[in-house]
Amino acid sequence: MERNLIDSHAQRRILRRPEVEMRTGFKRAHIYSLMSRGLFPKAVPIGSRAVGWDSLEVERWVADRLAGTLTRLSVSVGGAV
């Protein structure tokens, strides 16, 4: 139910790293460490030297963490999932 509430009220957009840091309380190195272990949503390329995160995925991750339910996300290594 809580997840549906987030989905219905959130506007989907691309978040840049400073905003992801603000929403999670984590700095760059920890975010990338969690991503590499499949514990945080993957960044998506938005330009030749820029990445961003899906706002809904980040909000779901935060909600899950607050609820005490962390799940491992799929990790892509060398193009394989």
PDB file of N, CA and C in Angstrom:
ATOM      1  N   MET A   1       0.823  -1.194   0.000  1.00  0.00           N
ATOM      2  CA  MET A   1       0.000   0.000   0.000  1.00  0.00           C
ATOM      3  C   MET A   1       0.864   1.254   0.000  1.00  0.00           C
ATOM      4  N   GLU A   2       1.863   1.281   0.867  1.00  0.00           N
ATOM      5  CA  GLU A   2       2.746   2.448   0.954  1.00  0.00           C
ATOM      6  C   GLU A   2       3.455   2.696  -0.369  1.00  0.00           C
ATOM      7  N   ARG A   3       3.874   1.636  -1.022  1.00  0.00           N
ATOM      8  CA  ARG A   3       4.563   1.759  -2.303  1.00  0.00           C
ATOM      9  C   ARG A   3       3.647   2.391  -3.357  1.00  0.00           C
ATOM     10  N   ASN A   4       2.356   1.992  -3.372  1.00  0.00           N
ATOM     11  CA  ASN A   4       1.408   2.580  -4.307  1.00  0.00           C
ATOM     12  C   ASN A   4       1.215   4.061  -4.036  1.00  0.00           C
ATOM     13  N   LEU A   5       1.222   4.445  -2.770  1.00  0.00           N
ATOM     14  CA  LEU A   5       1.082   5.847  -2.396  1.00  0.00           C
ATOM     15  C   LEU A   5       2.247   6.655  -2.949  1.00  0.00           C
ATOM     16  N   ILE A   6       3.450   6.124  -2.843  1.00  0.00           N
ATOM     17  CA  ILE A   6       4.626   6.802  -3.388  1.00  0.00           C
ATOM     18  C   ILE A   6       4.493   6.936  -4.897  1.00  0.00           C
ATOM     19  N   ASP A   7       4.118   5.843  -5.572  1.00  0.00           N
ATOM     20  CA  ASP A   7       4.004   5.855  -7.026  1.00  0.00           C
ATOM     21  C   ASP A   7       2.959   6.857  -7.505  1.00  0.00           C
ATOM     22  N   SER A   8       1.844   6.944  -6.809  1.00  0.00           N
ATOM     23  CA  SER A   8       0.771   7.802  -7.287  1.00  0.00           C
ATOM     24  C   SER A   8       1.031   9.280  -7.009  1.00  0.00           C
ATOM     25  N   HIS A   9       1.840   9.602  -6.016  1.00  0.00           N
ATOM     26  CA  HIS A   9       2.081  10.991  -5.661  1.00  0.00           C
ATOM     27  C   HIS A   9       3.408  11.543  -6.181  1.00  0.00           C
ATOM     28  N   ALA A  10       4.286  10.690  -6.594  1.00  0.00           N
ATOM     29  CA  ALA A  10       5.609  11.138  -7.032  1.00  0.00           C
ATOM     30  C   ALA A  10       5.605  11.419  -8.529  1.00  0.00           C
ATOM     31  N   GLN A  11       6.324  12.435  -8.899  1.00  0.00           N
ATOM     32  CA  GLN A  11       6.518  12.755 -10.311  1.00  0.00           C
ATOM     33  C   GLN A  11       7.833  12.118 -10.728  1.00  0.00           C
ATOM     34  N   ARG A  12       7.806  11.286 -11.733  1.00  0.00           N
ATOM     35  CA  ARG A  12       9.025  10.591 -12.159  1.00  0.00           C
ATOM     36  C   ARG A  12       9.927  11.554 -12.908  1.00  0.00           C
ATOM     37  N   ARG A  13      11.193  11.609 -12.455  1.00  0.00           N
ATOM     38  CA  ARG A  13      12.182  12.443 -13.115  1.00  0.00           C
ATOM     39  C   ARG A  13      13.564  11.886 -12.833  1.00  0.00           C
ATOM     40  N   ILE A  14      14.544  12.471 -13.460  1.00  0.00           N
ATOM     41  CA  ILE A  14      15.931  12.043 -13.256  1.00  0.00           C
ATOM     42  C   ILE A  14      16.545  12.903 -12.165  1.00  0.00           C
ATOM     43  N   LEU A  15      17.131  12.236 -11.180  1.00  0.00           N
ATOM     44  CA  LEU A  15      17.824  12.934 -10.096  1.00  0.00           C
ATOM     45  C   LEU A  15      19.317  12.925 -10.370  1.00  0.00           C
ATOM     46  N   ARG A  16      19.962  14.038 -10.153  1.00  0.00           N
ATOM     47  CA  ARG A  16      21.420  14.097 -10.248  1.00  0.00           C
ATOM     48  C   ARG A  16      22.005  13.752  -8.885  1.00  0.00           C
ATOM     49  N   ARG A  17      23.299  13.466  -8.853  1.00  0.00           N
ATOM     50  CA  ARG A  17      23.935  12.969  -7.640  1.00  0.00           C
ATOM     51  C   ARG A  17      23.746  13.851  -6.405  1.00  0.00           C
ATOM     52  N   PRO A  18      23.896  15.175  -6.498  1.00  0.00           N
ATOM     53  CA  PRO A  18      23.703  15.975  -5.275  1.00  0.00           C
ATOM     54  C   PRO A  18      22.319  15.788  -4.639  1.00  0.00           C
ATOM     55  N   GLU A  19      21.301  15.641  -5.475  1.00  0.00           N
ATOM     56  CA  GLU A  19      19.963  15.431  -4.927  1.00  0.00           C
ATOM     57  C   GLU A  19      19.813  14.032  -4.339  1.00  0.00           C
ATOM     58  N   VAL A  20      20.438  13.030  -4.967  1.00  0.00           N
ATOM     59  CA  VAL A  20      20.417  11.671  -4.418  1.00  0.00           C
ATOM     60  C   VAL A  20      21.131  11.670  -3.068  1.00  0.00           C
ATOM     61  N   GLU A  21      22.254  12.376  -2.982  1.00  0.00           N
ATOM     62  CA  GLU A  21      22.970  12.480  -1.703  1.00  0.00           C
ATOM     63  C   GLU A  21      22.084  13.127  -0.643  1.00  0.00           C
ATOM     64  N   MET A  22      21.362  14.167  -1.013  1.00  0.00           N
ATOM     65  CA  MET A  22      20.496  14.860  -0.066  1.00  0.00           C
ATOM     66  C   MET A  22      19.359  13.945   0.405  1.00  0.00           C
ATOM     67  N   ARG A  23      18.760  13.205  -0.514  1.00  0.00           N
ATOM     68  CA  ARG A  23      17.618  12.350  -0.172  1.00  0.00           C
ATOM     69  C   ARG A  23      18.024  11.134   0.653  1.00  0.00           C
ATOM     70  N   THR A  24      19.249  10.634   0.446  1.00  0.00           N
ATOM     71  CA  THR A  24      19.673   9.423   1.153  1.00  0.00           C
ATOM     72  C   THR A  24      20.532   9.718   2.375  1.00  0.00           C
ATOM     73  N   GLY A  25      21.205  10.859   2.372  1.00  0.00           N
ATOM     74  CA  GLY A  25      22.143  11.162   3.449  1.00  0.00           C
ATOM     75  C   GLY A  25      23.501  10.533   3.221  1.00  0.00           C
ATOM     76  N   PHE A  26      23.689   9.900   2.063  1.00  0.00           N
ATOM     77  CA  PHE A  26      24.959   9.250   1.737  1.00  0.00           C
ATOM     78  C   PHE A  26      25.760  10.097   0.768  1.00  0.00           C
ATOM     79  N   LYS A  27      27.062   9.973   0.856  1.00  0.00           N
ATOM     80  CA  LYS A  27      27.955  10.647  -0.084  1.00  0.00           C
ATOM     81  C   LYS A  27      28.219   9.742  -1.285  1.00  0.00           C
ATOM     82  N   ARG A  28      28.866  10.328  -2.282  1.00  0.00           N
ATOM     83  CA  ARG A  28      29.125   9.670  -3.561  1.00  0.00           C
ATOM     84  C   ARG A  28      29.725   8.271  -3.409  1.00  0.00           C
ATOM     85  N   ALA A  29      30.784   8.160  -2.650  1.00  0.00           N
ATOM     86  CA  ALA A  29      31.485   6.873  -2.540  1.00  0.00           C
ATOM     87  C   ALA A  29      30.574   5.777  -1.987  1.00  0.00           C
ATOM     88  N   HIS A  30      29.767   6.106  -0.997  1.00  0.00           N
ATOM     89  CA  HIS A  30      28.889   5.097  -0.405  1.00  0.00           C
ATOM     90  C   HIS A  30      27.766   4.719  -1.372  1.00  0.00           C
ATOM     91  N   ILE A  31      27.232   5.685  -2.090  1.00  0.00           N
ATOM     92  CA  ILE A  31      26.199   5.398  -3.085  1.00  0.00           C
ATOM     93  C   ILE A  31      26.734   4.432  -4.133  1.00  0.00           C
ATOM     94  N   TYR A  32      27.929   4.704  -4.649  1.00  0.00           N
ATOM     95  CA  TYR A  32      28.514   3.827  -5.674  1.00  0.00           C
ATOM     96  C   TYR A  32      28.883   2.466  -5.098  1.00  0.00           C
ATOM     97  N   SER A  33      29.297   2.427  -3.849  1.00  0.00           N
ATOM     98  CA  SER A  33      29.589   1.143  -3.203  1.00  0.00           C
ATOM     99  C   SER A  33      28.313   0.310  -3.094  1.00  0.00           C
ATOM    100  N   LEU A  34      27.227   0.918  -2.653  1.00  0.00           N
ATOM    101  CA  LEU A  34      25.949   0.203  -2.574  1.00  0.00           C
ATOM    102  C   LEU A  34      25.492  -0.263  -3.956  1.00  0.00           C
ATOM    103  N   MET A  35      25.651   0.593  -4.953  1.00  0.00           N
ATOM    104  CA  MET A  35      25.267   0.219  -6.325  1.00  0.00           C
ATOM    105  C   MET A  35      26.052  -0.995  -6.793  1.00  0.00           C
ATOM    106  N   SER A  36      27.353  -1.003  -6.533  1.00  0.00           N
ATOM    107  CA  SER A  36      28.188  -2.113  -7.015  1.00  0.00           C
ATOM    108  C   SER A  36      27.831  -3.431  -6.345  1.00  0.00           C
ATOM    109  N   ARG A  37      27.239  -3.361  -5.149  1.00  0.00           N
ATOM    110  CA  ARG A  37      26.822  -4.569  -4.434  1.00  0.00           C
ATOM    111  C   ARG A  37      25.354  -4.904  -4.681  1.00  0.00           C
ATOM    112  N   GLY A  38      24.705  -4.122  -5.558  1.00  0.00           N
ATOM    113  CA  GLY A  38      23.316  -4.389  -5.869  1.00  0.00           C
ATOM    114  C   GLY A  38      22.354  -3.969  -4.779  1.00  0.00           C
ATOM    115  N   LEU A  39      22.767  -3.032  -3.938  1.00  0.00           N
ATOM    116  CA  LEU A  39      21.935  -2.603  -2.816  1.00  0.00           C
ATOM    117  C   LEU A  39      21.347  -1.208  -2.994  1.00  0.00           C
ATOM    118  N   PHE A  40      21.526  -0.618  -4.157  1.00  0.00           N
ATOM    119  CA  PHE A  40      20.996   0.710  -4.441  1.00  0.00           C
ATOM    120  C   PHE A  40      20.665   0.768  -5.931  1.00  0.00           C
ATOM    121  N   PRO A  41      19.634   1.518  -6.296  1.00  0.00           N
ATOM    122  CA  PRO A  41      19.284   1.607  -7.728  1.00  0.00           C
ATOM    123  C   PRO A  41      20.471   2.064  -8.581  1.00  0.00           C
ATOM    124  N   LYS A  42      20.571   1.481  -9.754  1.00  0.00           N
ATOM    125  CA  LYS A  42      21.659   1.825 -10.669  1.00  0.00           C
ATOM    126  C   LYS A  42      21.441   3.180 -11.299  1.00  0.00           C
ATOM    127  N   ALA A  43      22.532   3.884 -11.513  1.00  0.00           N
ATOM    128  CA  ALA A  43      22.492   5.147 -12.240  1.00  0.00           C
ATOM    129  C   ALA A  43      22.273   4.851 -13.717  1.00  0.00           C
ATOM    130  N   VAL A  44      21.624   5.777 -14.398  1.00  0.00           N
ATOM    131  CA  VAL A  44      21.390   5.641 -15.831  1.00  0.00           C
ATOM    132  C   VAL A  44      22.133   6.756 -16.561  1.00  0.00           C
ATOM    133  N   PRO A  45      22.763   6.433 -17.682  1.00  0.00           N
ATOM    134  CA  PRO A  45      23.464   7.482 -18.428  1.00  0.00           C
ATOM    135  C   PRO A  45      22.465   8.493 -18.991  1.00  0.00           C
ATOM    136  N   ILE A  46      22.788   9.773 -18.847  1.00  0.00           N
ATOM    137  CA  ILE A  46      21.924  10.816 -19.406  1.00  0.00           C
ATOM    138  C   ILE A  46      22.699  11.725 -20.351  1.00  0.00           C
ATOM    139  N   GLY A  47      23.966  11.432 -20.520  1.00  0.00           N
ATOM    140  CA  GLY A  47      24.815  12.192 -21.427  1.00  0.00           C
ATOM    141  C   GLY A  47      26.144  11.489 -21.540  1.00  0.00           C
ATOM    142  N   SER A  48      27.061  12.067 -22.287  1.00  0.00           N
ATOM    143  CA  SER A  48      28.345  11.404 -22.493  1.00  0.00           C
ATOM    144  C   SER A  48      29.156  11.297 -21.200  1.00  0.00           C
ATOM    145  N   ARG A  49      28.981  12.245 -20.288  1.00  0.00           N
ATOM    146  CA  ARG A  49      29.723  12.207 -19.021  1.00  0.00           C
ATOM    147  C   ARG A  49      28.819  12.474 -17.822  1.00  0.00           C
ATOM    148  N   ALA A  50      27.554  12.124 -17.951  1.00  0.00           N
ATOM    149  CA  ALA A  50      26.608  12.414 -16.881  1.00  0.00           C
ATOM    150  C   ALA A  50      25.697  11.219 -16.630  1.00  0.00           C
ATOM    151  N   VAL A  51      25.369  11.007 -15.366  1.00  0.00           N
ATOM    152  CA  VAL A  51      24.421   9.964 -14.986  1.00  0.00           C
ATOM    153  C   VAL A  51      23.377  10.567 -14.064  1.00  0.00           C
ATOM    154  N   GLY A  52      22.286   9.851 -13.936  1.00  0.00           N
ATOM    155  CA  GLY A  52      21.225  10.261 -13.030  1.00  0.00           C
ATOM    156  C   GLY A  52      20.521   9.024 -12.518  1.00  0.00           C
ATOM    157  N   TRP A  53      19.617   9.222 -11.581  1.00  0.00           N
ATOM    158  CA  TRP A  53      18.872   8.123 -10.987  1.00  0.00           C
ATOM    159  C   TRP A  53      17.388   8.369 -11.179  1.00  0.00           C
ATOM    160  N   ASP A  54      16.638   7.301 -11.400  1.00  0.00           N
ATOM    161  CA  ASP A  54      15.188   7.370 -11.516  1.00  0.00           C
ATOM    162  C   ASP A  54      14.643   7.776 -10.143  1.00  0.00           C
ATOM    163  N   SER A  55      13.909   8.872 -10.092  1.00  0.00           N
ATOM    164  CA  SER A  55      13.419   9.394  -8.812  1.00  0.00           C
ATOM    165  C   SER A  55      12.514   8.401  -8.086  1.00  0.00           C
ATOM    166  N   LEU A  56      11.692   7.664  -8.823  1.00  0.00           N
ATOM    167  CA  LEU A  56      10.797   6.702  -8.176  1.00  0.00           C
ATOM    168  C   LEU A  56      11.564   5.541  -7.573  1.00  0.00           C
ATOM    169  N   GLU A  57      12.626   5.089  -8.258  1.00  0.00           N
ATOM    170  CA  GLU A  57      13.438   4.005  -7.707  1.00  0.00           C
ATOM    171  C   GLU A  57      14.135   4.448  -6.424  1.00  0.00           C
ATOM    172  N   VAL A  58      14.633   5.669  -6.415  1.00  0.00           N
ATOM    173  CA  VAL A  58      15.307   6.186  -5.214  1.00  0.00           C
ATOM    174  C   VAL A  58      14.293   6.330  -4.079  1.00  0.00           C
ATOM    175  N   GLU A  59      13.120   6.864  -4.373  1.00  0.00           N
ATOM    176  CA  GLU A  59      12.095   7.026  -3.336  1.00  0.00           C
ATOM    177  C   GLU A  59      11.643   5.672  -2.785  1.00  0.00           C
ATOM    178  N   ARG A  60      11.498   4.669  -3.654  1.00  0.00           N
ATOM    179  CA  ARG A  60      11.141   3.319  -3.185  1.00  0.00           C
ATOM    180  C   ARG A  60      12.233   2.763  -2.290  1.00  0.00           C
ATOM    181  N   TRP A  61      13.491   2.978  -2.686  1.00  0.00           N
ATOM    182  CA  TRP A  61      14.618   2.484  -1.893  1.00  0.00           C
ATOM    183  C   TRP A  61      14.595   3.126  -0.505  1.00  0.00           C
ATOM    184  N   VAL A  62      14.384   4.432  -0.450  1.00  0.00           N
ATOM    185  CA  VAL A  62      14.331   5.138   0.836  1.00  0.00           C
ATOM    186  C   VAL A  62      13.169   4.589   1.674  1.00  0.00           C
ATOM    187  N   ALA A  63      11.988   4.432   1.069  1.00  0.00           N
ATOM    188  CA  ALA A  63      10.821   3.914   1.791  1.00  0.00           C
ATOM    189  C   ALA A  63      11.080   2.508   2.322  1.00  0.00           C
ATOM    190  N   ASP A  64      11.704   1.650   1.500  1.00  0.00           N
ATOM    191  CA  ASP A  64      12.028   0.294   1.935  1.00  0.00           C
ATOM    192  C   ASP A  64      13.012   0.314   3.093  1.00  0.00           C
ATOM    193  N   ARG A  65      13.982   1.196   3.021  1.00  0.00           N
ATOM    194  CA  ARG A  65      14.969   1.288   4.092  1.00  0.00           C
ATOM    195  C   ARG A  65      14.313   1.739   5.395  1.00  0.00           C
ATOM    196  N   LEU A  66      13.423   2.720   5.300  1.00  0.00           N
ATOM    197  CA  LEU A  66      12.711   3.183   6.488  1.00  0.00           C
ATOM    198  C   LEU A  66      11.805   2.097   7.062  1.00  0.00           C
ATOM    199  N   ALA A  67      11.269   1.250   6.188  1.00  0.00           N
ATOM    200  CA  ALA A  67      10.409   0.152   6.621  1.00  0.00           C
ATOM    201  C   ALA A  67      11.222  -1.040   7.111  1.00  0.00           C
ATOM    202  N   GLY A  68      12.543  -0.981   6.918  1.00  0.00           N
ATOM    203  CA  GLY A  68      13.404  -2.073   7.365  1.00  0.00           C
ATOM    204  C   GLY A  68      13.463  -3.235   6.415  1.00  0.00           C
ATOM    205  N   THR A  69      13.110  -3.021   5.159  1.00  0.00           N
ATOM    206  CA  THR A  69      13.128  -4.105   4.174  1.00  0.00           C
ATOM    207  C   THR A  69      14.035  -3.750   3.019  1.00  0.00           C
ATOM    208  N   LEU A  70      15.277  -4.136   3.121  1.00  0.00           N
ATOM    209  CA  LEU A  70      16.210  -3.928   2.018  1.00  0.00           C
ATOM    210  C   LEU A  70      16.260  -5.188   1.179  1.00  0.00           C
ATOM    211  N   THR A  71      16.196  -5.016  -0.111  1.00  0.00           N
ATOM    212  CA  THR A  71      16.312  -6.154  -1.015  1.00  0.00           C
ATOM    213  C   THR A  71      17.464  -5.905  -1.969  1.00  0.00           C
ATOM    214  N   ARG A  72      18.072  -6.975  -2.396  1.00  0.00           N
ATOM    215  CA  ARG A  72      19.175  -6.884  -3.340  1.00  0.00           C
ATOM    216  C   ARG A  72      18.605  -6.597  -4.717  1.00  0.00           C
ATOM    217  N   LEU A  73      19.146  -5.603  -5.384  1.00  0.00           N
ATOM    218  CA  LEU A  73      18.723  -5.243  -6.732  1.00  0.00           C
ATOM    219  C   LEU A  73      19.588  -5.987  -7.724  1.00  0.00           C
ATOM    220  N   SER A  74      19.110  -6.171  -8.937  1.00  0.00           N
ATOM    221  CA  SER A  74      19.913  -6.861  -9.940  1.00  0.00           C
ATOM    222  C   SER A  74      21.128  -6.018 -10.290  1.00  0.00           C
ATOM    223  N   VAL A  75      22.250  -6.677 -10.424  1.00  0.00           N
ATOM    224  CA  VAL A  75      23.507  -6.004 -10.734  1.00  0.00           C
ATOM    225  C   VAL A  75      23.947  -6.429 -12.117  1.00  0.00           C
ATOM    226  N   SER A  76      24.301  -5.461 -12.934  1.00  0.00           N
ATOM    227  CA  SER A  76      24.772  -5.750 -14.270  1.00  0.00           C
ATOM    228  C   SER A  76      26.298  -5.686 -14.269  1.00  0.00           C
ATOM    229  N   VAL A  77      26.932  -6.798 -14.610  1.00  0.00           N
ATOM    230  CA  VAL A  77      28.384  -6.851 -14.675  1.00  0.00           C
ATOM    231  C   VAL A  77      28.761  -7.269 -16.088  1.00  0.00           C
ATOM    232  N   GLY A  78      29.423  -6.390 -16.797  1.00  0.00           N
ATOM    233  CA  GLY A  78      29.820  -6.696 -18.164  1.00  0.00           C
ATOM    234  C   GLY A  78      28.639  -6.934 -19.085  1.00  0.00           C
ATOM    235  N   GLY A  79      27.519  -6.274 -18.814  1.00  0.00           N
ATOM    236  CA  GLY A  79      26.359  -6.407 -19.674  1.00  0.00           C
ATOM    237  C   GLY A  79      25.441  -7.557 -19.304  1.00  0.00           C
ATOM    238  N   ALA A  80      25.859  -8.439 -18.387  1.00  0.00           N
ATOM    239  CA  ALA A  80      25.012  -9.560 -17.981  1.00  0.00           C
ATOM    240  C   ALA A  80      24.340  -9.231 -16.665  1.00  0.00           C
ATOM    241  N   VAL A  81      23.130  -9.711 -16.508  1.00  0.00           N
ATOM    242  CA  VAL A  81      22.402  -9.471 -15.257  1.00  0.00           C
ATOM    243  C   VAL A  81      22.433 -10.713 -14.424  1.00  0.00           C
TER     244      VAL A  81
END
